[in-house]
Amino acid sequence: MEGSVRVRFAPSPTGMLHIGGLRTALYNYLFAKGNDGTFVLRIEDTDQARYVEGAEEDIKQSLNWAGMQVDEGPENPGDAGPYRQSERKDMYAQYAEQLVEQGNAYYAFDTTEELDQMRERLKKSGNPSPKYDAITRMSMKNSLTLPEEEVERKLEEGEEYVIRLKVPRRETIRFEDEVRGFVSFESKGLDDQVLLKSDGMPTYHLANVVDDHLMKISHVIRGEEWLSSTPKHILMYEYFGWEPPKMAHLPLIMSPSGGKLSKRKAETEGIPINTKDYIDQDFEPEALVNFLAYLGWSPGDDSEIHSLDELCDMFSLDRVSKGGAVFDYKKLIWYNEHYLREKPADELWPRVQEIAKEHGLDPDEKYMKQIIPLMKDRVSKVEDFVTMGRFFFEDPEEYEDKAVKKWKDNSAELLEAYVEKIEDLDEDKFEAKTLKDKIKEVIEEYDVGFGPVMMPLRVAVSGMGYGPDLTPTIELLGKETTIRRITTAIEKLG
């Protein structure tokens, strides 16, 4: 690839990092690392009214949790800093003024009331989406319509104003998108975007273009929702005489029920919407990264499991899809189960211990490290080792309704027969193989299948109709506990 690759992830700290934002960060990271490039974090905090305390820290923590090391950013600045737009405020005004001087932007002194009146007037005349543009600008109060002397007076007296981009009335703006190919917009559909607000802060559009140029960003990789803003940015690059970066707009993340995955839809469908939700719920970061990588991109083969380093080597923008990608929560759980199975008990133990303590349990390390391998094929998240495996520490107080329905008239008799066969076993013989052999003996003697013995036995020892391999579980529980629980179940369930 020609030239050095520099990409930026540029979130606004107006809330916790959305899962779509994490995917955007991931695609930028993968592209940078796969091309020996630089991954820049820029905090776009020009909208002070919507600033959320703690949001910037959440962004950084989320990237670190996902394994995305920032090359340049607020915490590790390089030559292109500062990396918070609020700390770059003074430089934006000069670029806005430059556009005014060139005739590519203008001062607008319209009050909020005057803007509302303009929109209302246009709506009454049949315009469903009125805007400040090449036509309406000439009936408004700005430096294009006011005498030069009046404009100078207003500026000298400190009257509030904004600087607006002067969008040409009839022009086709065309650019090549790395994902979508050539894209065209007609300028007549664009408004005269505000570039500098009355408080002196830049809007996203001005700050974005200026910063990307000054930071030498080679590729802008962002969500599809910014595609409609790109022609305004292309115009500004042209007016400044700068070469624009290559553009790549990622497909929307779609709800399983259709439409964009909004906060409301995510809540309705039980999908965590913020990265922090996945951290708090103890998801494996490798699982979420692997899942998000495939949410709009494909390596072109049937492979599904890849580490972050492998994804960096494989990723390319030409394999990013144009169409929306459906957020399949079940697929994410599948990824999480895979990565949990891959982790050794020594690595999982500290996390399981912490969760266990939150549930009022204090498991022995040696005992818990025997439980973890038993349960790996049954759990979806780390907390399941505790919630699903609580019976390893406490006798069940209740029995799962669905499982109890499989307790038959002869279940008590079959379990009593099993107790008779195991109660005289020495401790060194109380092992999975022997315990399974004793089940077979009961099956043969009573001429029944495995189910009539195994299901009530599982209910008795765990209170559930599912769980880890039964006879290794009984071995781990021990003879005394097993017999006590069987006896109790017979008394309660008959």
Protein backbone atom coordinates (compact mmCIF):
# COMPACT_ATOMS: atom_id res chain seq x y z
CA MET A 1 0.00 0.00 0.00
CA GLU A 2 1.37 3.41 -1.01
CA GLY A 3 2.36 5.76 1.82
CA SER A 4 2.10 5.17 5.55
CA VAL A 5 -1.28 4.09 6.87
CA ARG A 6 -2.72 6.24 9.66
CA VAL A 7 -6.28 5.69 10.84
CA ARG A 8 -8.24 7.22 13.67
CA PHE A 9 -11.04 6.12 15.92
CA ALA A 10 -12.79 9.35 16.80
CA PRO A 11 -15.67 8.81 19.25
CA SER A 12 -17.65 11.55 20.98
CA PRO A 13 -17.79 11.21 24.80
CA THR A 14 -21.55 11.66 24.87
CA GLY A 15 -22.27 8.25 26.40
CA MET A 16 -20.82 4.81 26.99
CA LEU A 17 -19.12 3.20 23.99
CA HIS A 18 -21.80 1.60 21.80
CA ILE A 19 -21.10 -1.87 20.44
CA GLY A 20 -21.19 -0.37 16.92
CA GLY A 21 -18.48 2.05 17.97
CA LEU A 22 -16.33 -0.82 19.18
CA ARG A 23 -16.70 -2.50 15.77
CA THR A 24 -15.63 0.72 14.05
CA ALA A 25 -12.60 0.89 16.34
CA LEU A 26 -11.83 -2.76 15.60
CA TYR A 27 -11.92 -2.33 11.82
CA ASN A 28 -9.64 0.69 12.09
CA TYR A 29 -7.28 -1.24 14.34
CA LEU A 30 -7.22 -4.33 12.10
CA PHE A 31 -6.56 -2.23 9.00
CA ALA A 32 -3.77 -0.27 10.70
CA LYS A 33 -1.99 -3.30 12.14
CA GLY A 34 -2.39 -5.33 8.96
CA ASN A 35 -0.61 -2.56 7.04
CA ASP A 36 2.09 -1.68 9.59
CA GLY A 37 0.20 1.53 10.25
CA THR A 38 -0.74 3.74 13.19
CA PHE A 39 -3.95 3.52 15.21
CA VAL A 40 -4.92 6.94 16.59
CA LEU A 41 -7.53 7.66 19.26
CA ARG A 42 -9.05 11.13 18.96
CA ILE A 43 -11.72 12.33 21.39
CA GLU A 44 -14.24 14.52 19.55
CA ASP A 45 -15.62 16.49 22.49
CA THR A 46 -16.72 19.68 20.75
CA ASP A 47 -20.35 19.13 21.76
CA GLN A 48 -19.94 20.21 25.37
CA ALA A 49 -23.70 20.27 26.00
CA ARG A 50 -23.90 16.49 25.48
CA TYR A 51 -20.64 15.61 27.24
CA VAL A 52 -21.04 12.72 29.70
CA GLU A 53 -18.72 12.47 32.67
CA GLY A 54 -16.74 9.22 32.56
CA ALA A 55 -17.47 8.54 28.89
CA GLU A 56 -13.89 9.15 27.74
CA GLU A 57 -12.56 6.81 30.40
CA ASP A 58 -15.11 4.20 29.32
CA ILE A 59 -13.86 4.45 25.71
CA LYS A 60 -10.25 3.88 26.77
CA GLN A 61 -11.13 1.00 29.10
CA SER A 62 -13.21 -0.67 26.40
CA LEU A 63 -10.37 -0.52 23.86
CA ASN A 64 -7.89 -1.88 26.39
CA TRP A 65 -10.26 -4.67 27.40
CA ALA A 66 -10.65 -5.67 23.73
CA GLY A 67 -6.89 -5.75 23.27
CA MET A 68 -6.66 -2.75 20.95
CA GLN A 69 -3.48 -0.90 21.84
CA VAL A 70 -3.67 2.79 20.90
CA ASP A 71 -0.50 4.04 19.17
CA GLU A 72 -1.33 7.73 19.61
CA GLY A 73 -3.95 9.32 21.81
CA PRO A 74 -4.59 11.40 24.93
CA GLU A 75 -2.64 8.96 27.12
CA ASN A 76 0.31 8.45 24.75
CA PRO A 77 0.58 11.56 22.57
CA GLY A 78 2.65 11.75 19.42
CA ASP A 79 3.56 14.66 17.16
CA ALA A 80 -0.04 15.16 15.95
CA GLY A 81 -1.57 16.13 19.31
CA PRO A 82 -3.48 17.32 21.21
CA TYR A 83 -5.88 14.39 20.81
CA ARG A 84 -8.95 16.01 22.39
CA GLN A 85 -10.72 18.44 20.11
CA SER A 86 -11.56 20.71 23.04
CA GLU A 87 -7.80 21.24 23.45
CA ARG A 88 -7.48 22.16 19.77
CA LYS A 89 -10.24 24.79 19.86
CA ASP A 90 -8.06 27.80 18.99
CA MET A 91 -6.89 26.37 15.68
CA TYR A 92 -10.32 25.78 14.13
CA ALA A 93 -11.43 29.42 13.90
CA GLN A 94 -8.53 30.32 11.61
CA TYR A 95 -9.56 27.63 9.12
CA ALA A 96 -13.19 28.73 9.22
CA GLU A 97 -12.06 32.34 8.64
CA GLN A 98 -9.88 31.16 5.76
CA LEU A 99 -12.93 29.71 4.03
CA VAL A 100 -14.82 32.97 4.56
CA GLU A 101 -11.96 34.96 3.04
CA GLN A 102 -11.88 32.61 0.05
CA GLY A 103 -15.62 33.00 -0.49
CA ASN A 104 -16.33 29.36 0.41
CA ALA A 105 -18.08 30.17 3.70
CA TYR A 106 -19.92 33.13 5.24
CA TYR A 107 -21.03 34.71 8.50
CA ALA A 108 -24.67 34.09 9.43
CA PHE A 109 -26.32 36.32 12.08
CA ASP A 110 -29.79 34.71 12.08
CA THR A 111 -31.42 34.27 15.47
CA THR A 112 -33.12 31.06 16.54
CA GLU A 113 -36.49 32.72 16.01
CA GLU A 114 -35.58 33.78 12.49
CA LEU A 115 -34.43 30.27 11.62
CA ASP A 116 -37.68 28.83 12.96
CA GLN A 117 -39.69 31.36 10.92
CA MET A 118 -37.80 30.40 7.77
CA ARG A 119 -38.49 26.70 8.28
CA GLU A 120 -42.14 27.30 9.05
CA ARG A 121 -42.52 29.48 5.96
CA LEU A 122 -40.99 26.83 3.73
CA LYS A 123 -43.16 24.08 5.23
CA LYS A 124 -46.28 26.10 4.50
CA SER A 125 -45.14 26.51 0.90
CA GLY A 126 -44.91 22.73 0.50
CA ASN A 127 -41.28 22.04 1.37
CA PRO A 128 -41.33 19.03 3.75
CA SER A 129 -37.65 19.34 4.72
CA PRO A 130 -36.66 22.99 4.76
CA LYS A 131 -32.98 23.84 5.15
CA TYR A 132 -30.52 26.69 5.03
CA ASP A 133 -29.07 26.22 1.54
CA ALA A 134 -28.07 27.89 -1.72
CA ILE A 135 -31.63 29.13 -2.25
CA THR A 136 -32.80 30.11 1.23
CA ARG A 137 -29.48 31.73 2.21
CA MET A 138 -30.31 34.75 0.04
CA SER A 139 -33.38 35.58 2.13
CA MET A 140 -31.55 35.29 5.45
CA LYS A 141 -29.37 37.58 7.54
CA ASN A 142 -25.78 36.79 6.56
CA SER A 143 -22.66 38.30 5.03
CA LEU A 144 -23.91 37.38 1.55
CA THR A 145 -27.04 39.49 1.87
CA LEU A 146 -26.04 42.29 4.25
CA PRO A 147 -23.94 45.33 3.26
CA GLU A 148 -20.26 44.91 4.02
CA GLU A 149 -20.30 47.84 6.45
CA GLU A 150 -23.11 46.25 8.47
CA VAL A 151 -21.30 42.94 8.61
CA GLU A 152 -18.16 44.64 9.92
CA ARG A 153 -20.20 46.53 12.51
CA LYS A 154 -21.87 43.38 13.77
CA LEU A 155 -18.53 41.63 14.08
CA GLU A 156 -16.95 44.60 15.88
CA GLU A 157 -19.86 44.86 18.31
CA GLY A 158 -19.59 41.17 19.14
CA GLU A 159 -22.98 40.16 17.79
CA GLU A 160 -23.42 36.40 17.82
CA TYR A 161 -22.85 34.61 14.54
CA VAL A 162 -22.02 31.23 13.07
CA ILE A 163 -19.89 30.45 10.04
CA ARG A 164 -21.64 28.38 7.39
CA LEU A 165 -20.20 26.42 4.47
CA LYS A 166 -21.21 27.90 1.13
CA VAL A 167 -22.39 24.82 -0.77
CA PRO A 168 -22.68 25.30 -4.55
CA ARG A 169 -26.21 25.16 -5.89
CA ARG A 170 -25.72 22.79 -8.82
CA GLU A 171 -22.75 20.47 -8.57
CA THR A 172 -22.21 16.73 -8.50
CA ILE A 173 -19.86 15.68 -5.74
CA ARG A 174 -18.28 12.31 -6.49
CA PHE A 175 -15.79 10.26 -4.52
CA GLU A 176 -14.61 6.67 -4.34
CA ASP A 177 -15.50 4.72 -1.22
CA GLU A 178 -13.26 1.75 -0.36
CA VAL A 179 -16.34 -0.31 0.53
CA ARG A 180 -19.05 1.04 -1.79
CA GLY A 181 -17.16 2.06 -4.90
CA PHE A 182 -17.96 5.40 -6.53
CA VAL A 183 -20.61 7.45 -4.73
CA SER A 184 -22.30 10.62 -6.05
CA PHE A 185 -24.30 13.35 -4.32
CA GLU A 186 -26.03 16.35 -5.82
CA SER A 187 -25.17 19.55 -3.97
CA LYS A 188 -28.73 20.83 -4.25
CA GLY A 189 -29.68 18.29 -1.58
CA LEU A 190 -27.12 19.63 0.91
CA ASP A 191 -27.54 22.38 3.48
CA ASP A 192 -25.06 25.14 4.22
CA GLN A 193 -23.55 23.31 7.15
CA VAL A 194 -22.58 25.31 10.24
CA LEU A 195 -18.80 25.01 10.60
CA LEU A 196 -18.15 27.27 13.60
CA LYS A 197 -20.77 27.71 16.31
CA SER A 198 -21.59 30.95 18.11
CA ASP A 199 -19.57 29.83 21.15
CA GLY A 200 -16.46 29.52 19.00
CA MET A 201 -16.49 25.71 19.03
CA PRO A 202 -16.30 23.92 15.69
CA THR A 203 -18.96 21.49 14.56
CA TYR A 204 -18.04 17.90 13.85
CA HIS A 205 -17.68 18.65 10.15
CA LEU A 206 -15.03 21.36 10.34
CA ALA A 207 -13.06 19.78 13.18
CA ASN A 208 -13.17 16.39 11.49
CA VAL A 209 -11.70 17.63 8.22
CA VAL A 210 -9.07 19.89 9.81
CA ASP A 211 -7.93 17.23 12.28
CA ASP A 212 -7.80 14.43 9.73
CA HIS A 213 -5.60 16.62 7.54
CA LEU A 214 -3.29 17.85 10.32
CA MET A 215 -2.99 14.36 11.79
CA LYS A 216 -2.15 12.98 8.33
CA ILE A 217 -4.95 10.42 8.42
CA SER A 218 -4.69 8.23 5.33
CA HIS A 219 -7.99 6.34 5.65
CA VAL A 220 -11.25 7.38 7.28
CA ILE A 221 -13.08 4.20 8.30
CA ARG A 222 -16.43 4.98 9.92
CA GLY A 223 -20.08 3.98 10.06
CA GLU A 224 -22.55 4.27 7.20
CA GLU A 225 -24.45 6.98 9.06
CA TRP A 226 -21.64 9.41 8.15
CA LEU A 227 -21.85 8.72 4.43
CA SER A 228 -24.29 11.59 3.81
CA SER A 229 -21.88 14.02 5.49
CA THR A 230 -18.97 13.03 3.27
CA PRO A 231 -19.81 15.31 0.30
CA LYS A 232 -19.58 18.32 2.63
CA HIS A 233 -16.20 17.07 3.79
CA ILE A 234 -15.05 16.51 0.20
CA LEU A 235 -16.04 20.09 -0.61
CA MET A 236 -13.99 21.40 2.30
CA TYR A 237 -10.95 19.39 1.26
CA GLU A 238 -11.31 20.91 -2.19
CA TYR A 239 -11.67 24.45 -0.82
CA PHE A 240 -8.62 24.06 1.42
CA GLY A 241 -6.62 22.54 -1.42
CA TRP A 242 -5.95 19.37 0.56
CA GLU A 243 -5.87 15.79 -0.66
CA PRO A 244 -8.73 13.96 1.11
CA PRO A 245 -8.06 10.66 2.85
CA LYS A 246 -9.51 7.50 1.38
CA MET A 247 -13.04 6.93 2.65
CA ALA A 248 -14.60 3.66 3.82
CA HIS A 249 -18.12 3.53 5.24
CA LEU A 250 -19.03 0.41 7.18
CA PRO A 251 -22.43 -1.32 6.94
CA LEU A 252 -25.04 -0.75 9.61
CA ILE A 253 -25.46 -3.24 12.43
CA MET A 254 -28.99 -4.55 12.10
CA SER A 255 -31.47 -5.84 14.65
CA PRO A 256 -32.61 -9.48 14.25
CA SER A 257 -36.15 -8.12 13.83
CA GLY A 258 -35.06 -5.73 11.08
CA GLY A 259 -33.86 -2.15 10.99
CA LYS A 260 -30.87 -0.58 12.66
CA LEU A 261 -29.91 -1.97 16.07
CA SER A 262 -31.10 0.95 18.17
CA LYS A 263 -30.97 1.16 21.95
CA ARG A 264 -34.72 0.52 22.14
CA LYS A 265 -34.58 -2.52 19.85
CA ALA A 266 -31.57 -3.92 21.67
CA GLU A 267 -33.39 -3.69 25.00
CA THR A 268 -36.48 -5.35 23.52
CA GLU A 269 -34.45 -8.21 22.07
CA GLY A 270 -32.19 -8.71 25.08
CA ILE A 271 -29.00 -7.57 23.35
CA PRO A 272 -26.51 -5.58 25.46
CA ILE A 273 -25.92 -2.30 23.60
CA ASN A 274 -22.79 -0.88 25.27
CA THR A 275 -19.33 -2.42 25.45
CA LYS A 276 -19.41 -1.91 29.22
CA ASP A 277 -22.36 -4.32 29.40
CA TYR A 278 -20.20 -7.09 27.96
CA ILE A 279 -17.35 -6.27 30.32
CA ASP A 280 -19.70 -6.25 33.33
CA GLN A 281 -21.26 -9.53 32.22
CA ASP A 282 -17.79 -11.10 32.03
CA PHE A 283 -17.82 -11.96 28.34
CA GLU A 284 -14.53 -13.14 26.90
CA PRO A 285 -12.96 -10.20 25.01
CA GLU A 286 -11.63 -12.58 22.36
CA ALA A 287 -15.18 -13.77 21.69
CA LEU A 288 -16.62 -10.28 21.22
CA VAL A 289 -13.69 -9.24 19.01
CA ASN A 290 -13.98 -12.36 16.85
CA PHE A 291 -17.75 -11.91 16.57
CA LEU A 292 -17.56 -8.21 15.69
CA ALA A 293 -14.88 -8.82 13.08
CA TYR A 294 -17.33 -11.05 11.20
CA LEU A 295 -20.18 -8.57 11.64
CA GLY A 296 -19.83 -7.02 8.19
CA TRP A 297 -16.60 -8.66 7.00
CA SER A 298 -15.60 -12.10 5.80
CA PRO A 299 -12.19 -13.67 5.10
CA GLY A 300 -13.62 -15.41 2.04
CA ASP A 301 -13.50 -18.94 3.45
CA ASP A 302 -15.39 -21.03 5.99
CA SER A 303 -13.10 -20.24 8.93
CA GLU A 304 -14.69 -18.61 11.99
CA ILE A 305 -12.20 -18.70 14.85
CA HIS A 306 -9.27 -16.28 14.74
CA SER A 307 -7.14 -14.43 17.25
CA LEU A 308 -6.78 -10.65 17.10
CA ASP A 309 -3.32 -11.01 15.53
CA GLU A 310 -4.67 -13.40 12.90
CA LEU A 311 -7.51 -11.01 12.10
CA CYS A 312 -4.99 -8.20 11.62
CA ASP A 313 -3.18 -10.29 9.00
CA MET A 314 -6.40 -11.29 7.23
CA PHE A 315 -8.45 -8.10 7.26
CA SER A 316 -9.00 -6.03 4.13
CA LEU A 317 -11.53 -3.35 3.24
CA ASP A 318 -12.43 -5.01 -0.06
CA ARG A 319 -14.05 -7.85 1.88
CA VAL A 320 -16.27 -5.57 3.97
CA SER A 321 -19.90 -5.97 2.91
CA LYS A 322 -22.09 -3.12 1.70
CA GLY A 323 -25.30 -4.48 3.20
CA GLY A 324 -26.27 -4.37 6.87
CA ALA A 325 -25.01 -7.09 9.19
CA VAL A 326 -27.51 -8.73 11.56
CA PHE A 327 -26.43 -8.93 15.21
CA ASP A 328 -26.87 -12.63 15.99
CA TYR A 329 -26.64 -12.79 19.78
CA LYS A 330 -26.72 -16.60 19.75
CA LYS A 331 -23.65 -16.61 17.52
CA LEU A 332 -21.86 -14.35 20.00
CA ILE A 333 -22.71 -16.82 22.78
CA TRP A 334 -21.29 -19.60 20.59
CA TYR A 335 -18.04 -17.67 20.30
CA ASN A 336 -17.98 -17.09 24.05
CA GLU A 337 -18.49 -20.78 24.76
CA HIS A 338 -15.63 -21.63 22.42
CA TYR A 339 -13.15 -19.30 24.08
CA LEU A 340 -14.20 -20.43 27.56
CA ARG A 341 -13.49 -24.05 26.62
CA GLU A 342 -10.05 -23.03 25.40
CA LYS A 343 -9.00 -21.45 28.70
CA PRO A 344 -7.27 -23.54 31.38
CA ALA A 345 -8.70 -23.83 34.87
CA ASP A 346 -5.74 -21.91 36.32
CA GLU A 347 -6.69 -18.88 34.21
CA LEU A 348 -10.42 -19.09 34.96
CA TRP A 349 -10.13 -19.79 38.67
CA PRO A 350 -9.51 -16.19 39.90
CA ARG A 351 -12.52 -14.91 37.93
CA VAL A 352 -14.75 -17.74 39.13
CA GLN A 353 -13.61 -17.15 42.71
CA GLU A 354 -14.58 -13.47 42.51
CA ILE A 355 -18.04 -14.29 41.15
CA ALA A 356 -18.50 -17.03 43.74
CA LYS A 357 -17.79 -14.56 46.55
CA GLU A 358 -20.37 -12.18 45.07
CA HIS A 359 -22.86 -15.08 45.42
CA GLY A 360 -21.91 -15.70 49.04
CA LEU A 361 -19.68 -18.70 48.32
CA ASP A 362 -16.03 -19.25 49.21
CA PRO A 363 -14.88 -22.23 47.14
CA ASP A 364 -11.67 -24.13 47.77
CA GLU A 365 -9.21 -23.57 44.91
CA LYS A 366 -8.35 -27.25 44.44
CA TYR A 367 -12.02 -28.26 44.49
CA MET A 368 -13.03 -25.48 42.07
CA LYS A 369 -10.26 -26.41 39.63
CA GLN A 370 -11.81 -29.89 39.46
CA ILE A 371 -15.26 -28.44 38.80
CA ILE A 372 -14.19 -26.08 36.01
CA PRO A 373 -13.10 -28.80 33.53
CA LEU A 374 -16.30 -30.73 34.26
CA MET A 375 -18.51 -27.77 33.41
CA LYS A 376 -16.64 -26.22 30.48
CA ASP A 377 -18.81 -27.87 27.85
CA ARG A 378 -22.00 -26.69 29.57
CA VAL A 379 -21.37 -23.03 30.35
CA SER A 380 -21.85 -19.99 28.13
CA LYS A 381 -20.31 -17.37 30.43
CA VAL A 382 -17.96 -17.45 33.41
CA GLU A 383 -20.75 -16.74 35.88
CA ASP A 384 -22.39 -20.02 34.84
CA PHE A 385 -19.64 -21.92 36.66
CA VAL A 386 -21.18 -20.51 39.84
CA THR A 387 -24.88 -20.12 39.02
CA MET A 388 -25.22 -23.45 37.21
CA GLY A 389 -22.70 -25.17 39.46
CA ARG A 390 -24.00 -23.96 42.80
CA PHE A 391 -25.08 -27.50 43.62
CA PHE A 392 -21.40 -28.42 43.95
CA PHE A 393 -21.40 -26.36 47.17
CA GLU A 394 -24.95 -26.59 48.49
CA ASP A 395 -27.67 -29.23 48.55
CA PRO A 396 -30.51 -28.21 46.21
CA GLU A 397 -33.39 -26.63 48.11
CA GLU A 398 -35.73 -26.74 45.13
CA TYR A 399 -36.02 -28.88 42.03
CA GLU A 400 -36.40 -27.54 38.49
CA ASP A 401 -40.03 -27.90 37.33
CA LYS A 402 -39.18 -29.31 33.89
CA ALA A 403 -36.89 -31.91 35.47
CA VAL A 404 -39.42 -32.90 38.12
CA LYS A 405 -41.91 -33.74 35.38
CA LYS A 406 -39.56 -36.56 34.36
CA TRP A 407 -39.71 -38.05 37.87
CA LYS A 408 -41.80 -41.21 37.38
CA ASP A 409 -43.64 -43.59 39.67
CA ASN A 410 -40.66 -45.98 39.76
CA SER A 411 -37.97 -43.27 40.14
CA ALA A 412 -37.75 -43.61 43.93
CA GLU A 413 -37.43 -47.40 43.68
CA LEU A 414 -34.65 -47.13 41.08
CA LEU A 415 -32.71 -44.60 43.14
CA GLU A 416 -33.06 -46.67 46.31
CA ALA A 417 -31.57 -49.60 44.39
CA TYR A 418 -28.70 -47.37 43.26
CA VAL A 419 -28.02 -46.22 46.83
CA GLU A 420 -27.79 -49.84 47.95
CA LYS A 421 -25.12 -50.47 45.31
CA ILE A 422 -22.92 -47.46 46.15
CA GLU A 423 -23.24 -47.16 49.92
CA ASP A 424 -20.77 -49.97 50.57
CA LEU A 425 -18.17 -48.70 48.08
CA ASP A 426 -14.81 -47.77 49.56
CA GLU A 427 -13.70 -44.18 48.98
CA ASP A 428 -11.04 -45.25 46.47
CA LYS A 429 -13.75 -47.10 44.48
CA PHE A 430 -16.12 -44.12 44.47
CA GLU A 431 -15.06 -43.04 41.00
CA ALA A 432 -16.86 -42.27 37.76
CA LYS A 433 -16.29 -45.59 36.05
CA THR A 434 -17.51 -47.65 39.00
CA LEU A 435 -20.46 -45.33 39.55
CA LYS A 436 -21.49 -45.75 35.93
CA ASP A 437 -21.16 -49.52 36.20
CA LYS A 438 -23.54 -49.45 39.17
CA ILE A 439 -26.08 -47.52 37.08
CA LYS A 440 -25.85 -50.24 34.43
CA GLU A 441 -26.50 -52.90 37.06
CA VAL A 442 -29.71 -51.15 38.12
CA ILE A 443 -30.77 -50.84 34.47
CA GLU A 444 -30.24 -54.55 33.85
CA GLU A 445 -31.96 -55.66 37.05
CA TYR A 446 -35.07 -53.52 36.47
CA ASP A 447 -35.03 -53.85 32.67
CA VAL A 448 -35.22 -50.11 31.98
CA GLY A 449 -33.27 -47.69 29.83
CA PHE A 450 -30.61 -45.21 30.94
CA GLY A 451 -33.10 -42.31 31.10
CA PRO A 452 -35.33 -43.65 33.90
CA VAL A 453 -32.27 -43.92 36.16
CA MET A 454 -30.06 -41.05 34.98
CA MET A 455 -32.70 -38.31 34.97
CA PRO A 456 -34.02 -38.72 38.53
CA LEU A 457 -30.44 -39.26 39.72
CA ARG A 458 -29.38 -35.94 38.16
CA VAL A 459 -32.41 -34.17 39.65
CA ALA A 460 -31.60 -35.61 43.08
CA VAL A 461 -27.95 -34.56 43.17
CA SER A 462 -28.21 -31.19 41.35
CA GLY A 463 -31.86 -30.12 41.40
CA MET A 464 -31.70 -29.69 37.60
CA GLY A 465 -32.39 -31.73 34.51
CA TYR A 466 -29.13 -30.73 32.81
CA GLY A 467 -25.52 -30.18 33.74
CA PRO A 468 -22.04 -31.68 33.48
CA ASP A 469 -21.29 -35.38 32.97
CA LEU A 470 -23.19 -37.09 35.77
CA THR A 471 -20.91 -39.79 37.16
CA PRO A 472 -17.78 -37.58 37.35
CA THR A 473 -20.03 -35.05 39.12
CA ILE A 474 -21.14 -37.66 41.67
CA GLU A 475 -17.50 -38.69 42.18
CA LEU A 476 -16.57 -35.10 42.95
CA LEU A 477 -19.53 -34.62 45.32
CA GLY A 478 -18.53 -37.71 47.25
CA LYS A 479 -20.48 -40.64 48.68
CA GLU A 480 -21.90 -38.99 51.77
CA THR A 481 -23.26 -35.96 49.91
CA THR A 482 -24.62 -38.04 47.05
CA ILE A 483 -26.52 -40.48 49.25
CA ARG A 484 -27.88 -37.65 51.42
CA ARG A 485 -29.19 -35.80 48.38
CA ILE A 486 -30.77 -38.92 46.87
CA THR A 487 -32.49 -39.69 50.17
CA THR A 488 -33.80 -36.14 50.45
CA ALA A 489 -35.11 -36.19 46.87
CA ILE A 490 -36.96 -39.45 47.47
CA GLU A 491 -38.60 -37.95 50.56
CA LYS A 492 -39.64 -34.75 48.76
CA LEU A 493 -40.62 -36.14 45.37
CA GLY A 494 -41.90 -39.55 46.38
